[in-house]
Amino acid sequence: GFKKQLYRIWFELYARRGSSRPDSSGFEHVFVGETRDRRTVIGFHNWIQLYLQEKLGHIDYKGYTVDANSPQPDENKHILALQFSWKNGIKPKGSIFIGVSPEFEFA
C-alpha cells in the first residue's frame, strides 16, 4: 500500500554509488545531507537544514547562481542553486527549494 511505498522511497536503505553495502536513504540524502569520500557534499536539499546548520556555524555559504535568462533574484522563484562547504566537504553545485514545507518535499 501507500505507507509501504512511502517507507521504501524515503527510509529504506540503499547502497550509494561506489558502495556495495546499504548505507543511505532518500530521507538522509534530501533532508540531512551526506558526504562522499569526506570531500564532497551530496544531497542536502532542504532549506530548513541549511538554515539550522548555517546558524550553528557548520555551513560556509559560498554563494548562489541565478538563471541566465533572469540575472536578478525574483520573489517568485523558489529554487536556489548554491555552493557551500559542510563537514569539511564542498557542495560545488546544489539546488534547494526555498520556503516550502517538508510535506511539499515529501510529495
N, C-alpha and C. Protein backbone atom coordinates (compact mmCIF):
# COMPACT_ATOMS: atom_id res chain seq x y z
N GLY A 1 0.79 -1.17 0.00
CA GLY A 1 0.00 0.00 0.00
C GLY A 1 0.85 1.26 0.00
N PHE A 2 0.18 2.35 0.22
CA PHE A 2 0.81 3.67 0.17
C PHE A 2 1.90 3.82 1.23
N LYS A 3 1.62 3.39 2.47
CA LYS A 3 2.61 3.54 3.55
C LYS A 3 3.89 2.76 3.25
N LYS A 4 3.74 1.56 2.70
CA LYS A 4 4.92 0.77 2.36
C LYS A 4 5.74 1.45 1.26
N GLN A 5 5.04 2.00 0.28
CA GLN A 5 5.73 2.68 -0.81
C GLN A 5 6.45 3.93 -0.28
N LEU A 6 5.79 4.68 0.57
CA LEU A 6 6.40 5.87 1.16
C LEU A 6 7.65 5.50 1.96
N TYR A 7 7.55 4.44 2.76
CA TYR A 7 8.70 3.97 3.53
C TYR A 7 9.84 3.56 2.60
N ARG A 8 9.51 2.80 1.57
CA ARG A 8 10.53 2.32 0.63
C ARG A 8 11.26 3.49 -0.04
N ILE A 9 10.51 4.49 -0.46
CA ILE A 9 11.11 5.64 -1.16
C ILE A 9 12.01 6.45 -0.23
N TRP A 10 11.55 6.72 0.99
CA TRP A 10 12.26 7.66 1.85
C TRP A 10 13.17 7.04 2.90
N PHE A 11 12.87 5.83 3.37
CA PHE A 11 13.61 5.31 4.53
C PHE A 11 14.32 3.99 4.32
N GLU A 12 14.02 3.26 3.26
CA GLU A 12 14.72 2.01 3.01
C GLU A 12 16.15 2.32 2.59
N LEU A 13 17.09 1.62 3.18
CA LEU A 13 18.50 1.87 2.87
C LEU A 13 18.86 1.34 1.49
N TYR A 14 19.76 2.04 0.83
CA TYR A 14 20.29 1.61 -0.46
C TYR A 14 21.79 1.88 -0.48
N ALA A 15 22.49 1.20 -1.37
CA ALA A 15 23.94 1.39 -1.50
C ALA A 15 24.19 2.58 -2.41
N ARG A 16 24.98 3.52 -1.94
CA ARG A 16 25.36 4.65 -2.77
C ARG A 16 26.35 4.21 -3.83
N ARG A 17 26.53 5.05 -4.84
CA ARG A 17 27.47 4.75 -5.91
C ARG A 17 28.85 4.45 -5.32
N GLY A 18 29.44 3.38 -5.78
CA GLY A 18 30.77 3.00 -5.31
C GLY A 18 30.76 2.20 -4.03
N SER A 19 29.59 1.85 -3.53
CA SER A 19 29.49 1.08 -2.30
C SER A 19 28.65 -0.16 -2.55
N SER A 20 28.97 -1.22 -1.85
CA SER A 20 28.17 -2.44 -2.00
C SER A 20 27.23 -2.64 -0.82
N ARG A 21 27.37 -1.83 0.21
CA ARG A 21 26.51 -2.00 1.38
C ARG A 21 25.48 -0.87 1.47
N PRO A 22 24.27 -1.21 1.85
CA PRO A 22 23.24 -0.18 2.02
C PRO A 22 23.60 0.76 3.17
N ASP A 23 23.79 2.04 2.86
CA ASP A 23 24.22 2.98 3.90
C ASP A 23 23.58 4.36 3.74
N SER A 24 22.54 4.45 2.95
CA SER A 24 21.91 5.75 2.72
C SER A 24 20.42 5.56 2.52
N SER A 25 19.69 6.66 2.64
CA SER A 25 18.25 6.64 2.38
C SER A 25 17.88 7.94 1.67
N GLY A 26 16.72 7.94 1.05
CA GLY A 26 16.24 9.16 0.40
C GLY A 26 16.09 10.29 1.40
N PHE A 27 15.61 9.97 2.60
CA PHE A 27 15.45 10.99 3.64
C PHE A 27 16.79 11.60 4.01
N GLU A 28 17.79 10.76 4.24
CA GLU A 28 19.12 11.27 4.59
C GLU A 28 19.67 12.14 3.46
N HIS A 29 19.53 11.68 2.24
CA HIS A 29 20.06 12.41 1.10
C HIS A 29 19.43 13.80 0.98
N VAL A 30 18.11 13.87 1.06
CA VAL A 30 17.41 15.13 0.84
C VAL A 30 17.40 16.02 2.07
N PHE A 31 17.03 15.47 3.23
CA PHE A 31 16.78 16.30 4.41
C PHE A 31 17.97 16.47 5.34
N VAL A 32 18.93 15.57 5.32
CA VAL A 32 20.06 15.64 6.25
C VAL A 32 21.34 16.06 5.54
N GLY A 33 21.63 15.41 4.43
CA GLY A 33 22.88 15.64 3.70
C GLY A 33 23.86 14.53 3.98
N GLU A 34 24.74 14.29 3.03
CA GLU A 34 25.73 13.23 3.14
C GLU A 34 27.06 13.74 2.58
N THR A 35 28.12 13.01 2.87
CA THR A 35 29.40 13.32 2.25
C THR A 35 29.90 12.07 1.53
N ARG A 36 30.60 12.30 0.45
CA ARG A 36 31.23 11.21 -0.30
C ARG A 36 32.73 11.38 -0.16
N ASP A 37 33.39 10.34 0.29
CA ASP A 37 34.85 10.37 0.48
C ASP A 37 35.30 11.53 1.38
N ARG A 38 34.41 11.98 2.25
CA ARG A 38 34.70 13.07 3.20
C ARG A 38 35.11 14.38 2.53
N ARG A 39 34.93 14.47 1.20
CA ARG A 39 35.35 15.68 0.49
C ARG A 39 34.21 16.37 -0.24
N THR A 40 33.23 15.59 -0.66
CA THR A 40 32.15 16.15 -1.47
C THR A 40 30.82 15.98 -0.74
N VAL A 41 30.08 17.06 -0.63
CA VAL A 41 28.74 17.02 -0.04
C VAL A 41 27.78 16.59 -1.13
N ILE A 42 26.96 15.60 -0.82
CA ILE A 42 25.92 15.17 -1.75
C ILE A 42 24.58 15.28 -1.04
N GLY A 43 23.53 15.40 -1.81
CA GLY A 43 22.23 15.58 -1.20
C GLY A 43 22.13 16.97 -0.58
N PHE A 44 21.54 17.03 0.62
CA PHE A 44 21.42 18.28 1.37
C PHE A 44 20.58 19.28 0.58
N HIS A 45 19.31 18.92 0.35
CA HIS A 45 18.43 19.74 -0.47
C HIS A 45 17.34 20.45 0.34
N ASN A 46 17.45 20.47 1.65
CA ASN A 46 16.39 21.04 2.48
C ASN A 46 16.81 22.40 3.04
N TRP A 47 16.00 23.42 2.78
CA TRP A 47 16.35 24.78 3.19
C TRP A 47 16.33 24.95 4.70
N ILE A 48 15.51 24.19 5.41
CA ILE A 48 15.47 24.30 6.88
C ILE A 48 16.78 23.76 7.46
N GLN A 49 17.24 22.63 6.95
CA GLN A 49 18.52 22.07 7.41
C GLN A 49 19.66 23.03 7.08
N LEU A 50 19.63 23.64 5.91
CA LEU A 50 20.65 24.62 5.54
C LEU A 50 20.66 25.77 6.53
N TYR A 51 19.49 26.29 6.84
CA TYR A 51 19.37 27.40 7.79
C TYR A 51 19.91 26.99 9.17
N LEU A 52 19.49 25.83 9.67
CA LEU A 52 19.92 25.39 11.00
C LEU A 52 21.43 25.15 11.06
N GLN A 53 21.98 24.51 10.04
CA GLN A 53 23.41 24.25 10.02
C GLN A 53 24.21 25.55 9.89
N GLU A 54 23.70 26.49 9.11
CA GLU A 54 24.39 27.78 8.98
C GLU A 54 24.33 28.55 10.29
N LYS A 55 23.19 28.50 10.96
CA LYS A 55 23.03 29.18 12.25
C LYS A 55 24.02 28.64 13.29
N LEU A 56 24.31 27.34 13.22
CA LEU A 56 25.26 26.72 14.14
C LEU A 56 26.72 26.95 13.73
N GLY A 57 26.92 27.56 12.57
CA GLY A 57 28.27 27.81 12.09
C GLY A 57 28.89 26.62 11.37
N HIS A 58 28.08 25.64 10.97
CA HIS A 58 28.59 24.44 10.31
C HIS A 58 28.61 24.56 8.79
N ILE A 59 28.01 25.60 8.26
CA ILE A 59 27.95 25.82 6.81
C ILE A 59 28.78 27.05 6.47
N ASP A 60 29.60 26.93 5.45
CA ASP A 60 30.29 28.09 4.90
C ASP A 60 29.67 28.34 3.53
N TYR A 61 28.75 29.28 3.50
CA TYR A 61 27.99 29.59 2.30
C TYR A 61 28.89 30.31 1.31
N LYS A 62 28.99 29.79 0.09
CA LYS A 62 29.89 30.35 -0.92
C LYS A 62 29.17 31.25 -1.92
N GLY A 63 27.86 31.14 -2.04
CA GLY A 63 27.13 31.98 -2.97
C GLY A 63 26.08 31.21 -3.72
N TYR A 64 25.39 31.92 -4.60
CA TYR A 64 24.31 31.31 -5.36
C TYR A 64 24.44 31.70 -6.82
N THR A 65 23.74 30.97 -7.65
CA THR A 65 23.68 31.31 -9.07
C THR A 65 22.21 31.49 -9.43
N VAL A 66 21.98 32.30 -10.43
CA VAL A 66 20.62 32.53 -10.90
C VAL A 66 20.52 32.11 -12.35
N ASP A 67 19.33 32.02 -12.82
CA ASP A 67 19.04 31.65 -14.20
C ASP A 67 19.65 32.66 -15.16
N ALA A 68 20.29 32.18 -16.20
CA ALA A 68 20.92 33.08 -17.18
C ALA A 68 19.92 34.01 -17.83
N ASN A 69 18.67 33.57 -17.93
CA ASN A 69 17.63 34.41 -18.54
C ASN A 69 17.08 35.46 -17.59
N SER A 70 17.38 35.32 -16.32
CA SER A 70 16.89 36.25 -15.30
C SER A 70 18.01 36.47 -14.29
N PRO A 71 18.94 37.38 -14.59
CA PRO A 71 20.13 37.52 -13.76
C PRO A 71 19.89 38.03 -12.34
N GLN A 72 18.71 38.51 -12.04
CA GLN A 72 18.42 39.01 -10.69
C GLN A 72 17.51 38.03 -9.95
N PRO A 73 17.70 37.92 -8.63
CA PRO A 73 16.77 37.08 -7.85
C PRO A 73 15.34 37.60 -8.02
N ASP A 74 14.39 36.72 -7.89
CA ASP A 74 12.99 37.04 -8.13
C ASP A 74 12.17 36.44 -6.99
N GLU A 75 11.26 37.21 -6.41
CA GLU A 75 10.47 36.70 -5.28
C GLU A 75 9.58 35.54 -5.66
N ASN A 76 9.37 35.30 -6.94
CA ASN A 76 8.55 34.18 -7.38
C ASN A 76 9.35 32.89 -7.57
N LYS A 77 10.65 32.98 -7.48
CA LYS A 77 11.49 31.79 -7.64
C LYS A 77 11.64 31.11 -6.29
N HIS A 78 11.48 29.81 -6.29
CA HIS A 78 11.59 29.05 -5.06
C HIS A 78 12.68 27.99 -5.12
N ILE A 79 13.44 27.99 -6.19
CA ILE A 79 14.57 27.06 -6.31
C ILE A 79 15.84 27.89 -6.38
N LEU A 80 16.79 27.53 -5.55
CA LEU A 80 18.05 28.25 -5.48
C LEU A 80 19.19 27.28 -5.78
N ALA A 81 20.08 27.66 -6.68
CA ALA A 81 21.30 26.89 -6.94
C ALA A 81 22.40 27.56 -6.13
N LEU A 82 23.12 26.79 -5.33
CA LEU A 82 24.10 27.39 -4.44
C LEU A 82 25.32 26.51 -4.25
N GLN A 83 26.33 27.10 -3.63
CA GLN A 83 27.56 26.40 -3.26
C GLN A 83 27.81 26.64 -1.78
N PHE A 84 28.32 25.60 -1.10
CA PHE A 84 28.68 25.76 0.30
C PHE A 84 29.60 24.62 0.72
N SER A 85 30.24 24.79 1.86
CA SER A 85 31.02 23.70 2.43
C SER A 85 30.36 23.31 3.76
N TRP A 86 30.50 22.02 4.09
CA TRP A 86 29.86 21.44 5.27
C TRP A 86 30.64 20.19 5.64
N LYS A 87 30.94 20.02 6.91
CA LYS A 87 31.68 18.84 7.39
C LYS A 87 32.97 18.61 6.60
N ASN A 88 33.71 19.65 6.37
CA ASN A 88 34.98 19.60 5.64
C ASN A 88 34.82 19.15 4.19
N GLY A 89 33.60 19.13 3.69
CA GLY A 89 33.36 18.79 2.29
C GLY A 89 32.78 20.00 1.57
N ILE A 90 32.81 19.96 0.27
CA ILE A 90 32.28 21.07 -0.53
C ILE A 90 31.09 20.59 -1.34
N LYS A 91 30.08 21.41 -1.41
CA LYS A 91 28.95 21.19 -2.30
C LYS A 91 29.18 22.14 -3.47
N PRO A 92 29.79 21.65 -4.56
CA PRO A 92 30.16 22.55 -5.65
C PRO A 92 28.96 23.17 -6.35
N LYS A 93 27.87 22.42 -6.42
CA LYS A 93 26.65 22.94 -7.03
C LYS A 93 25.49 22.13 -6.49
N GLY A 94 24.55 22.82 -5.89
CA GLY A 94 23.39 22.14 -5.35
C GLY A 94 22.14 22.96 -5.56
N SER A 95 21.01 22.34 -5.37
CA SER A 95 19.75 23.07 -5.51
C SER A 95 18.87 22.80 -4.31
N ILE A 96 18.15 23.84 -3.91
CA ILE A 96 17.28 23.77 -2.74
C ILE A 96 16.00 24.52 -3.05
N PHE A 97 14.86 23.91 -2.70
CA PHE A 97 13.60 24.64 -2.72
C PHE A 97 13.60 25.55 -1.50
N ILE A 98 13.32 26.82 -1.68
CA ILE A 98 13.31 27.78 -0.57
C ILE A 98 11.87 28.06 -0.15
N GLY A 99 11.62 27.95 1.15
CA GLY A 99 10.33 28.34 1.71
C GLY A 99 9.23 27.31 1.60
N VAL A 100 9.54 26.11 1.13
CA VAL A 100 8.50 25.09 1.01
C VAL A 100 8.45 24.25 2.29
N SER A 101 7.34 23.60 2.51
CA SER A 101 7.16 22.77 3.70
C SER A 101 7.81 21.40 3.50
N PRO A 102 8.15 20.73 4.61
CA PRO A 102 8.64 19.35 4.49
C PRO A 102 7.63 18.45 3.77
N GLU A 103 6.35 18.70 3.99
CA GLU A 103 5.32 17.90 3.31
C GLU A 103 5.42 18.06 1.80
N PHE A 104 5.71 19.26 1.35
CA PHE A 104 5.88 19.51 -0.08
C PHE A 104 7.05 18.67 -0.61
N GLU A 105 8.16 18.67 0.12
CA GLU A 105 9.33 17.93 -0.35
C GLU A 105 9.10 16.42 -0.31
N PHE A 106 8.34 15.95 0.66
CA PHE A 106 8.00 14.53 0.70
C PHE A 106 7.16 14.13 -0.50
N ALA A 107 6.30 15.03 -0.92
CA ALA A 107 5.40 14.73 -2.05
C ALA A 107 6.20 14.64 -3.32
